[in-house]
Amino acid sequence: MSFDCISCGACCAYSETWPAFIGDGDAAGIPDELIDFEHGRMLCHGKRCAALVGELGRRASCSVYANRPLVCREFQSGSEDCISVRRSFNLPVA
């Protein structure tokens, strides 16, 4: 099955501690109002990343996609983690 990240967004809404910045410069280009400086990660509203816009499972996107943190860039659509997160939101996995 091919997973469409634009119609999902679940990976950006399952943890208030993720995405964390990895190394110097990982937050470059991200507006200050979207950064949790105290914890070195993206600001979250509950478990949802502040940069996530739209509705999970319908149409979601990242407002800082071009400058998203490395951990977001490395998250793989269709991976075991992806499937686990999709299941937590009752989104299709097969």
Protein backbone atom coordinates (compact mmCIF):
# COMPACT_ATOMS: atom_id res chain seq x y z
CA MET A 1 0.00 0.00 0.00
CA SER A 2 1.21 3.49 -0.81
CA PHE A 3 0.68 6.01 1.98
CA ASP A 4 -0.28 9.57 1.10
CA CYS A 5 1.27 11.82 3.73
CA ILE A 6 -0.73 14.85 2.57
CA SER A 7 -3.98 13.12 3.45
CA CYS A 8 -2.62 11.81 6.76
CA GLY A 9 -0.52 14.02 9.07
CA ALA A 10 -0.67 11.52 11.93
CA CYS A 11 3.11 11.50 12.46
CA CYS A 12 2.86 15.19 13.38
CA ALA A 13 0.14 14.71 15.99
CA TYR A 14 1.01 11.74 18.17
CA SER A 15 3.57 13.07 20.66
CA GLU A 16 4.21 16.32 22.48
CA THR A 17 7.91 15.42 22.70
CA TRP A 18 8.46 14.93 18.98
CA PRO A 19 9.83 16.37 16.81
CA ALA A 20 12.96 17.21 18.77
CA PHE A 21 15.81 19.09 17.14
CA ILE A 22 18.91 17.09 16.30
CA GLY A 23 22.10 19.11 16.31
CA ASP A 24 22.98 22.71 15.63
CA GLY A 25 20.94 24.51 13.02
CA ASP A 26 18.07 22.03 12.97
CA ALA A 27 15.61 24.81 13.79
CA ALA A 28 16.98 27.19 11.14
CA GLY A 29 14.23 28.84 9.16
CA ILE A 30 11.46 27.89 11.58
CA PRO A 31 9.59 30.88 13.05
CA ASP A 32 10.23 31.40 16.77
CA GLU A 33 6.52 31.08 17.60
CA LEU A 34 6.65 27.43 16.47
CA ILE A 35 9.65 26.48 18.62
CA ASP A 36 9.68 25.15 22.18
CA PHE A 37 13.05 26.63 23.11
CA GLU A 38 12.98 25.22 26.65
CA HIS A 39 12.88 21.63 25.37
CA GLY A 40 14.71 21.99 22.04
CA ARG A 41 11.86 20.88 19.81
CA MET A 42 8.87 22.04 17.85
CA LEU A 43 6.09 23.62 19.91
CA CYS A 44 3.10 21.34 20.29
CA HIS A 45 -0.51 22.04 21.19
CA GLY A 46 -1.31 18.91 23.14
CA LYS A 47 0.31 16.22 21.01
CA ARG A 48 -0.06 18.12 17.74
CA CYS A 49 2.93 19.93 16.26
CA ALA A 50 2.21 23.66 15.96
CA ALA A 51 3.40 23.59 12.33
CA LEU A 52 0.75 21.04 11.30
CA VAL A 53 -2.18 22.55 9.45
CA GLY A 54 -5.34 20.84 8.26
CA GLU A 55 -7.29 17.82 9.37
CA LEU A 56 -5.71 14.43 10.11
CA GLY A 57 -6.73 11.74 7.69
CA ARG A 58 -8.20 14.24 5.23
CA ARG A 59 -5.78 16.97 4.20
CA ALA A 60 -2.82 17.88 6.38
CA SER A 61 0.43 19.66 5.70
CA CYS A 62 3.46 21.17 7.40
CA SER A 63 3.64 24.96 7.42
CA VAL A 64 7.47 24.77 7.64
CA TYR A 65 7.96 21.81 5.29
CA ALA A 66 11.01 23.29 3.50
CA ASN A 67 12.70 23.90 6.88
CA ARG A 68 11.28 20.97 8.87
CA PRO A 69 13.56 19.34 11.45
CA LEU A 70 15.82 16.44 10.47
CA VAL A 71 13.76 13.92 12.44
CA CYS A 72 10.76 14.86 10.26
CA ARG A 73 12.81 14.55 7.09
CA GLU A 74 13.92 11.06 8.11
CA PHE A 75 10.44 9.75 9.00
CA GLN A 76 9.54 7.24 6.30
CA SER A 77 6.07 6.83 4.88
CA GLY A 78 4.98 3.20 5.19
CA SER A 79 7.59 2.39 7.85
CA GLU A 80 6.77 0.42 10.99
CA ASP A 81 6.57 3.72 12.90
CA CYS A 82 4.27 5.20 10.26
CA ILE A 83 1.92 2.23 10.42
CA SER A 84 1.89 2.32 14.23
CA VAL A 85 1.02 6.02 14.28
CA ARG A 86 -1.67 5.58 11.61
CA ARG A 87 -3.22 2.78 13.68
CA SER A 88 -3.32 5.03 16.76
CA PHE A 89 -5.58 7.39 14.79
CA ASN A 90 -7.62 4.57 13.20
CA LEU A 91 -6.33 5.47 9.74
CA PRO A 92 -6.04 2.77 7.06
CA VAL A 93 -2.83 0.72 7.05
CA ALA A 94 -3.65 -1.85 4.38
